[in-house]
């Protein structure tokens, strides 16, 4: 397993898989920061992308599974 794999974030993986564009990710990040600064409840990028209709539930699951694989060693232990 490469050292860089586990560092990838949800949005990066979604872009790499071609599910969203970099512009859509940037828009979601702006929304997340704006909400945080306004004192609203923090929303994860995946939630925002789903709510905006940029990702469907299956795509969210695929990205989350890719993140899970990247954060475990071959024996399944979380790093």
PDB file of N, CA and C in Angstrom:
ATOM      1  N   UNK A   1       0.847  -1.166   0.000  1.00  0.00           N
ATOM      2  CA  UNK A   1       0.000   0.000   0.000  1.00  0.00           C
ATOM      3  C   UNK A   1       0.899   1.237   0.000  1.00  0.00           C
ATOM      4  N   UNK A   2       0.598   2.202  -0.852  1.00  0.00           N
ATOM      5  CA  UNK A   2       1.421   3.396  -0.926  1.00  0.00           C
ATOM      6  C   UNK A   2       1.098   4.349   0.204  1.00  0.00           C
ATOM      7  N   UNK A   3       2.075   5.146   0.595  1.00  0.00           N
ATOM      8  CA  UNK A   3       1.883   6.094   1.672  1.00  0.00           C
ATOM      9  C   UNK A   3       0.914   7.204   1.313  1.00  0.00           C
ATOM     10  N   UNK A   4       0.796   7.530   0.031  1.00  0.00           N
ATOM     11  CA  UNK A   4      -0.073   8.632  -0.353  1.00  0.00           C
ATOM     12  C   UNK A   4      -1.541   8.235  -0.431  1.00  0.00           C
ATOM     13  N   UNK A   5      -1.828   6.986  -0.575  1.00  0.00           N
ATOM     14  CA  UNK A   5      -3.208   6.541  -0.746  1.00  0.00           C
ATOM     15  C   UNK A   5      -4.077   6.953   0.431  1.00  0.00           C
ATOM     16  N   UNK A   6      -3.617   6.743   1.633  1.00  0.00           N
ATOM     17  CA  UNK A   6      -4.449   7.014   2.799  1.00  0.00           C
ATOM     18  C   UNK A   6      -4.666   8.494   3.042  1.00  0.00           C
ATOM     19  N   UNK A   7      -3.916   9.354   2.363  1.00  0.00           N
ATOM     20  CA  UNK A   7      -4.053  10.788   2.566  1.00  0.00           C
ATOM     21  C   UNK A   7      -5.144  11.401   1.688  1.00  0.00           C
ATOM     22  N   UNK A   8      -5.658  10.647   0.726  1.00  0.00           N
ATOM     23  CA  UNK A   8      -6.665  11.197  -0.177  1.00  0.00           C
ATOM     24  C   UNK A   8      -7.971  11.427   0.558  1.00  0.00           C
ATOM     25  N   UNK A   9      -8.602  12.526   0.226  1.00  0.00           N
ATOM     26  CA  UNK A   9      -9.845  12.907   0.867  1.00  0.00           C
ATOM     27  C   UNK A   9     -11.017  12.557  -0.037  1.00  0.00           C
ATOM     28  N   UNK A  10     -12.211  12.631   0.525  1.00  0.00           N
ATOM     29  CA  UNK A  10     -13.426  12.258  -0.186  1.00  0.00           C
ATOM     30  C   UNK A  10     -13.519  12.959  -1.541  1.00  0.00           C
ATOM     31  N   UNK A  11     -13.381  14.281  -1.540  1.00  0.00           N
ATOM     32  CA  UNK A  11     -13.528  15.045  -2.775  1.00  0.00           C
ATOM     33  C   UNK A  11     -12.493  14.683  -3.823  1.00  0.00           C
ATOM     34  N   UNK A  12     -11.270  14.470  -3.395  1.00  0.00           N
ATOM     35  CA  UNK A  12     -10.204  14.100  -4.322  1.00  0.00           C
ATOM     36  C   UNK A  12     -10.520  12.778  -5.005  1.00  0.00           C
ATOM     37  N   UNK A  13     -10.968  11.823  -4.243  1.00  0.00           N
ATOM     38  CA  UNK A  13     -11.309  10.518  -4.808  1.00  0.00           C
ATOM     39  C   UNK A  13     -12.488  10.641  -5.765  1.00  0.00           C
ATOM     40  N   UNK A  14     -13.495  11.435  -5.393  1.00  0.00           N
ATOM     41  CA  UNK A  14     -14.669  11.610  -6.257  1.00  0.00           C
ATOM     42  C   UNK A  14     -14.276  12.233  -7.588  1.00  0.00           C
ATOM     43  N   UNK A  15     -13.361  13.188  -7.570  1.00  0.00           N
ATOM     44  CA  UNK A  15     -12.883  13.800  -8.813  1.00  0.00           C
ATOM     45  C   UNK A  15     -12.082  12.780  -9.620  1.00  0.00           C
ATOM     46  N   UNK A  16     -11.186  12.059  -8.967  1.00  0.00           N
ATOM     47  CA  UNK A  16     -10.356  11.070  -9.657  1.00  0.00           C
ATOM     48  C   UNK A  16     -11.198   9.982 -10.325  1.00  0.00           C
ATOM     49  N   UNK A  17     -12.300   9.633  -9.704  1.00  0.00           N
ATOM     50  CA  UNK A  17     -13.179   8.608 -10.276  1.00  0.00           C
ATOM     51  C   UNK A  17     -14.080   9.175 -11.367  1.00  0.00           C
ATOM     52  N   UNK A  18     -14.041  10.486 -11.558  1.00  0.00           N
ATOM     53  CA  UNK A  18     -14.838  11.111 -12.603  1.00  0.00           C
ATOM     54  C   UNK A  18     -16.294  11.328 -12.222  1.00  0.00           C
ATOM     55  N   UNK A  19     -16.599  11.219 -10.939  1.00  0.00           N
ATOM     56  CA  UNK A  19     -17.976  11.406 -10.476  1.00  0.00           C
ATOM     57  C   UNK A  19     -18.371  12.880 -10.446  1.00  0.00           C
ATOM     58  N   UNK A  20     -17.405  13.737 -10.136  1.00  0.00           N
ATOM     59  CA  UNK A  20     -17.655  15.180 -10.068  1.00  0.00           C
ATOM     60  C   UNK A  20     -16.495  15.903 -10.738  1.00  0.00           C
ATOM     61  N   UNK A  21     -16.703  17.188 -10.992  1.00  0.00           N
ATOM     62  CA  UNK A  21     -15.629  18.023 -11.534  1.00  0.00           C
ATOM     63  C   UNK A  21     -14.921  18.741 -10.400  1.00  0.00           C
ATOM     64  N   UNK A  22     -13.761  19.296 -10.710  1.00  0.00           N
ATOM     65  CA  UNK A  22     -13.042  20.087  -9.716  1.00  0.00           C
ATOM     66  C   UNK A  22     -13.864  21.309  -9.320  1.00  0.00           C
ATOM     67  N   UNK A  23     -14.608  21.857 -10.272  1.00  0.00           N
ATOM     68  CA  UNK A  23     -15.446  23.022  -9.989  1.00  0.00           C
ATOM     69  C   UNK A  23     -16.567  22.676  -9.007  1.00  0.00           C
ATOM     70  N   UNK A  24     -17.161  21.509  -9.178  1.00  0.00           N
ATOM     71  CA  UNK A  24     -18.220  21.083  -8.258  1.00  0.00           C
ATOM     72  C   UNK A  24     -17.652  20.871  -6.863  1.00  0.00           C
ATOM     73  N   UNK A  25     -16.455  20.310  -6.775  1.00  0.00           N
ATOM     74  CA  UNK A  25     -15.813  20.126  -5.469  1.00  0.00           C
ATOM     75  C   UNK A  25     -15.532  21.474  -4.832  1.00  0.00           C
ATOM     76  N   UNK A  26     -15.000  22.410  -5.618  1.00  0.00           N
ATOM     77  CA  UNK A  26     -14.704  23.741  -5.084  1.00  0.00           C
ATOM     78  C   UNK A  26     -15.978  24.414  -4.582  1.00  0.00           C
ATOM     79  N   UNK A  27     -17.071  24.259  -5.313  1.00  0.00           N
ATOM     80  CA  UNK A  27     -18.353  24.832  -4.895  1.00  0.00           C
ATOM     81  C   UNK A  27     -18.794  24.234  -3.557  1.00  0.00           C
ATOM     82  N   UNK A  28     -18.638  22.924  -3.415  1.00  0.00           N
ATOM     83  CA  UNK A  28     -19.030  22.258  -2.174  1.00  0.00           C
ATOM     84  C   UNK A  28     -18.166  22.725  -1.003  1.00  0.00           C
ATOM     85  N   UNK A  29     -16.886  22.928  -1.255  1.00  0.00           N
ATOM     86  CA  UNK A  29     -15.992  23.404  -0.197  1.00  0.00           C
ATOM     87  C   UNK A  29     -16.394  24.807   0.245  1.00  0.00           C
ATOM     88  N   UNK A  30     -16.708  25.663  -0.717  1.00  0.00           N
ATOM     89  CA  UNK A  30     -17.158  27.020  -0.384  1.00  0.00           C
ATOM     90  C   UNK A  30     -18.428  26.954   0.460  1.00  0.00           C
ATOM     91  N   UNK A  31     -19.350  26.086   0.081  1.00  0.00           N
ATOM     92  CA  UNK A  31     -20.591  25.934   0.850  1.00  0.00           C
ATOM     93  C   UNK A  31     -20.285  25.452   2.268  1.00  0.00           C
ATOM     94  N   UNK A  32     -19.386  24.495   2.396  1.00  0.00           N
ATOM     95  CA  UNK A  32     -19.038  23.956   3.703  1.00  0.00           C
ATOM     96  C   UNK A  32     -18.438  25.044   4.595  1.00  0.00           C
ATOM     97  N   UNK A  33     -17.494  25.800   4.058  1.00  0.00           N
ATOM     98  CA  UNK A  33     -16.846  26.856   4.828  1.00  0.00           C
ATOM     99  C   UNK A  33     -17.850  27.949   5.197  1.00  0.00           C
ATOM    100  N   UNK A  34     -18.699  28.321   4.253  1.00  0.00           N
ATOM    101  CA  UNK A  34     -19.713  29.352   4.515  1.00  0.00           C
ATOM    102  C   UNK A  34     -20.647  28.925   5.634  1.00  0.00           C
ATOM    103  N   UNK A  35     -21.092  27.675   5.585  1.00  0.00           N
ATOM    104  CA  UNK A  35     -21.952  27.150   6.648  1.00  0.00           C
ATOM    105  C   UNK A  35     -21.238  27.178   7.993  1.00  0.00           C
ATOM    106  N   UNK A  36     -19.985  26.735   7.995  1.00  0.00           N
ATOM    107  CA  UNK A  36     -19.206  26.710   9.245  1.00  0.00           C
ATOM    108  C   UNK A  36     -19.052  28.111   9.818  1.00  0.00           C
ATOM    109  N   UNK A  37     -18.746  29.074   8.951  1.00  0.00           N
ATOM    110  CA  UNK A  37     -18.547  30.451   9.407  1.00  0.00           C
ATOM    111  C   UNK A  37     -19.844  31.089   9.897  1.00  0.00           C
ATOM    112  N   UNK A  38     -20.966  30.615   9.369  1.00  0.00           N
ATOM    113  CA  UNK A  38     -22.269  31.138   9.792  1.00  0.00           C
ATOM    114  C   UNK A  38     -22.779  30.436  11.045  1.00  0.00           C
ATOM    115  N   UNK A  39     -22.004  29.507  11.571  1.00  0.00           N
ATOM    116  CA  UNK A  39     -22.393  28.802  12.779  1.00  0.00           C
ATOM    117  C   UNK A  39     -23.407  27.694  12.549  1.00  0.00           C
ATOM    118  N   UNK A  40     -23.597  27.325  11.300  1.00  0.00           N
ATOM    119  CA  UNK A  40     -24.523  26.228  10.996  1.00  0.00           C
ATOM    120  C   UNK A  40     -23.853  24.896  11.295  1.00  0.00           C
ATOM    121  N   UNK A  41     -24.670  23.858  11.352  1.00  0.00           N
ATOM    122  CA  UNK A  41     -24.137  22.524  11.605  1.00  0.00           C
ATOM    123  C   UNK A  41     -23.164  22.133  10.487  1.00  0.00           C
ATOM    124  N   UNK A  42     -22.015  21.579  10.867  1.00  0.00           N
ATOM    125  CA  UNK A  42     -21.004  21.170   9.898  1.00  0.00           C
ATOM    126  C   UNK A  42     -21.529  20.029   9.029  1.00  0.00           C
ATOM    127  N   UNK A  43     -21.354  20.174   7.729  1.00  0.00           N
ATOM    128  CA  UNK A  43     -21.742  19.118   6.793  1.00  0.00           C
ATOM    129  C   UNK A  43     -20.494  18.601   6.087  1.00  0.00           C
ATOM    130  N   UNK A  44     -20.431  17.302   5.924  1.00  0.00           N
ATOM    131  CA  UNK A  44     -19.328  16.686   5.216  1.00  0.00           C
ATOM    132  C   UNK A  44     -19.447  16.983   3.723  1.00  0.00           C
ATOM    133  N   UNK A  45     -18.310  16.995   3.036  1.00  0.00           N
ATOM    134  CA  UNK A  45     -18.300  17.275   1.602  1.00  0.00           C
ATOM    135  C   UNK A  45     -19.183  16.288   0.850  1.00  0.00           C
ATOM    136  N   UNK A  46     -19.127  15.026   1.202  1.00  0.00           N
ATOM    137  CA  UNK A  46     -19.962  14.026   0.533  1.00  0.00           C
ATOM    138  C   UNK A  46     -21.439  14.321   0.687  1.00  0.00           C
ATOM    139  N   UNK A  47     -21.825  14.788   1.856  1.00  0.00           N
ATOM    140  CA  UNK A  47     -23.226  15.148   2.099  1.00  0.00           C
ATOM    141  C   UNK A  47     -23.633  16.316   1.216  1.00  0.00           C
ATOM    142  N   UNK A  48     -22.783  17.320   1.141  1.00  0.00           N
ATOM    143  CA  UNK A  48     -23.083  18.489   0.315  1.00  0.00           C
ATOM    144  C   UNK A  48     -23.190  18.087  -1.156  1.00  0.00           C
ATOM    145  N   UNK A  49     -22.244  17.303  -1.637  1.00  0.00           N
ATOM    146  CA  UNK A  49     -22.267  16.879  -3.036  1.00  0.00           C
ATOM    147  C   UNK A  49     -23.511  16.060  -3.351  1.00  0.00           C
ATOM    148  N   UNK A  50     -23.933  15.243  -2.405  1.00  0.00           N
ATOM    149  CA  UNK A  50     -25.147  14.442  -2.581  1.00  0.00           C
ATOM    150  C   UNK A  50     -26.375  15.354  -2.592  1.00  0.00           C
ATOM    151  N   UNK A  51     -26.445  16.264  -1.641  1.00  0.00           N
ATOM    152  CA  UNK A  51     -27.599  17.165  -1.544  1.00  0.00           C
ATOM    153  C   UNK A  51     -27.712  18.081  -2.767  1.00  0.00           C
ATOM    154  N   UNK A  52     -26.582  18.431  -3.371  1.00  0.00           N
ATOM    155  CA  UNK A  52     -26.582  19.270  -4.566  1.00  0.00           C
ATOM    156  C   UNK A  52     -26.932  18.459  -5.824  1.00  0.00           C
ATOM    157  N   UNK A  53     -26.990  17.145  -5.680  1.00  0.00           N
ATOM    158  CA  UNK A  53     -27.306  16.293  -6.826  1.00  0.00           C
ATOM    159  C   UNK A  53     -26.102  15.970  -7.698  1.00  0.00           C
ATOM    160  N   UNK A  54     -24.908  16.269  -7.208  1.00  0.00           N
ATOM    161  CA  UNK A  54     -23.695  15.986  -7.970  1.00  0.00           C
ATOM    162  C   UNK A  54     -23.274  14.529  -7.851  1.00  0.00           C
ATOM    163  N   UNK A  55     -23.655  13.893  -6.760  1.00  0.00           N
ATOM    164  CA  UNK A  55     -23.367  12.477  -6.532  1.00  0.00           C
ATOM    165  C   UNK A  55     -24.653  11.759  -6.176  1.00  0.00           C
ATOM    166  N   UNK A  56     -24.746  10.494  -6.605  1.00  0.00           N
ATOM    167  CA  UNK A  56     -25.864   9.676  -6.150  1.00  0.00           C
ATOM    168  C   UNK A  56     -25.378   8.777  -5.005  1.00  0.00           C
ATOM    169  N   UNK A  57     -26.296   8.076  -4.388  1.00  0.00           N
ATOM    170  CA  UNK A  57     -25.960   7.268  -3.206  1.00  0.00           C
ATOM    171  C   UNK A  57     -24.922   6.198  -3.533  1.00  0.00           C
ATOM    172  N   UNK A  58     -25.020   5.598  -4.699  1.00  0.00           N
ATOM    173  CA  UNK A  58     -24.057   4.550  -5.074  1.00  0.00           C
ATOM    174  C   UNK A  58     -22.654   5.136  -5.221  1.00  0.00           C
ATOM    175  N   UNK A  59     -22.558   6.322  -5.812  1.00  0.00           N
ATOM    176  CA  UNK A  59     -21.258   6.962  -5.971  1.00  0.00           C
ATOM    177  C   UNK A  59     -20.655   7.336  -4.619  1.00  0.00           C
ATOM    178  N   UNK A  60     -21.474   7.830  -3.711  1.00  0.00           N
ATOM    179  CA  UNK A  60     -20.995   8.134  -2.360  1.00  0.00           C
ATOM    180  C   UNK A  60     -20.428   6.868  -1.727  1.00  0.00           C
ATOM    181  N   UNK A  61     -21.133   5.761  -1.876  1.00  0.00           N
ATOM    182  CA  UNK A  61     -20.686   4.492  -1.315  1.00  0.00           C
ATOM    183  C   UNK A  61     -19.356   4.055  -1.929  1.00  0.00           C
ATOM    184  N   UNK A  62     -19.214   4.205  -3.230  1.00  0.00           N
ATOM    185  CA  UNK A  62     -17.969   3.824  -3.913  1.00  0.00           C
ATOM    186  C   UNK A  62     -16.796   4.642  -3.365  1.00  0.00           C
ATOM    187  N   UNK A  63     -17.006   5.941  -3.200  1.00  0.00           N
ATOM    188  CA  UNK A  63     -15.932   6.801  -2.683  1.00  0.00           C
ATOM    189  C   UNK A  63     -15.600   6.426  -1.239  1.00  0.00           C
ATOM    190  N   UNK A  64     -16.613   6.208  -0.425  1.00  0.00           N
ATOM    191  CA  UNK A  64     -16.360   5.831   0.970  1.00  0.00           C
ATOM    192  C   UNK A  64     -15.613   4.507   1.055  1.00  0.00           C
ATOM    193  N   UNK A  65     -15.954   3.568   0.202  1.00  0.00           N
ATOM    194  CA  UNK A  65     -15.243   2.283   0.202  1.00  0.00           C
ATOM    195  C   UNK A  65     -13.792   2.459  -0.244  1.00  0.00           C
ATOM    196  N   UNK A  66     -13.562   3.348  -1.200  1.00  0.00           N
ATOM    197  CA  UNK A  66     -12.186   3.620  -1.644  1.00  0.00           C
ATOM    198  C   UNK A  66     -11.387   4.235  -0.501  1.00  0.00           C
ATOM    199  N   UNK A  67     -12.018   5.103   0.274  1.00  0.00           N
ATOM    200  CA  UNK A  67     -11.346   5.704   1.429  1.00  0.00           C
ATOM    201  C   UNK A  67     -11.040   4.644   2.470  1.00  0.00           C
ATOM    202  N   UNK A  68     -11.955   3.738   2.681  1.00  0.00           N
ATOM    203  CA  UNK A  68     -11.769   2.681   3.669  1.00  0.00           C
ATOM    204  C   UNK A  68     -10.591   1.796   3.295  1.00  0.00           C
ATOM    205  N   UNK A  69     -10.491   1.433   2.036  1.00  0.00           N
ATOM    206  CA  UNK A  69      -9.389   0.598   1.567  1.00  0.00           C
ATOM    207  C   UNK A  69      -8.067   1.317   1.779  1.00  0.00           C
ATOM    208  N   UNK A  70      -8.077   2.609   1.547  1.00  0.00           N
ATOM    209  CA  UNK A  70      -6.843   3.386   1.659  1.00  0.00           C
ATOM    210  C   UNK A  70      -6.443   3.650   3.099  1.00  0.00           C
ATOM    211  N   UNK A  71      -7.301   3.398   4.067  1.00  0.00           N
ATOM    212  CA  UNK A  71      -6.960   3.676   5.453  1.00  0.00           C
ATOM    213  C   UNK A  71      -6.761   2.412   6.273  1.00  0.00           C
ATOM    214  N   UNK A  72      -6.647   1.279   5.605  1.00  0.00           N
ATOM    215  CA  UNK A  72      -6.398   0.031   6.315  1.00  0.00           C
ATOM    216  C   UNK A  72      -5.143  -0.640   5.751  1.00  0.00           C
ATOM    217  N   UNK A  73      -4.436  -1.321   6.618  1.00  0.00           N
ATOM    218  CA  UNK A  73      -3.288  -2.088   6.141  1.00  0.00           C
ATOM    219  C   UNK A  73      -3.803  -3.436   5.622  1.00  0.00           C
ATOM    220  N   UNK A  74      -2.945  -4.280   5.047  1.00  0.00           N
ATOM    221  CA  UNK A  74      -3.398  -5.555   4.474  1.00  0.00           C
ATOM    222  C   UNK A  74      -4.112  -6.473   5.463  1.00  0.00           C
ATOM    223  N   UNK A  75      -3.891  -6.279   6.757  1.00  0.00           N
ATOM    224  CA  UNK A  75      -4.533  -7.130   7.747  1.00  0.00           C
ATOM    225  C   UNK A  75      -5.872  -6.553   8.203  1.00  0.00           C
ATOM    226  N   UNK A  76      -6.270  -5.412   7.630  1.00  0.00           N
ATOM    227  CA  UNK A  76      -7.561  -4.836   7.968  1.00  0.00           C
ATOM    228  C   UNK A  76      -7.544  -3.915   9.170  1.00  0.00           C
ATOM    229  N   UNK A  77      -6.365  -3.661   9.709  1.00  0.00           N
ATOM    230  CA  UNK A  77      -6.287  -2.758  10.849  1.00  0.00           C
ATOM    231  C   UNK A  77      -6.330  -1.323  10.369  1.00  0.00           C
ATOM    232  N   UNK A  78      -7.047  -0.484  11.064  1.00  0.00           N
ATOM    233  CA  UNK A  78      -7.101   0.923  10.725  1.00  0.00           C
ATOM    234  C   UNK A  78      -5.777   1.557  11.114  1.00  0.00           C
ATOM    235  N   UNK A  79      -5.201   2.315  10.196  1.00  0.00           N
ATOM    236  CA  UNK A  79      -3.900   2.959  10.462  1.00  0.00           C
ATOM    237  C   UNK A  79      -4.088   4.284  11.164  1.00  0.00           C
TER     238      UNK A  79
END
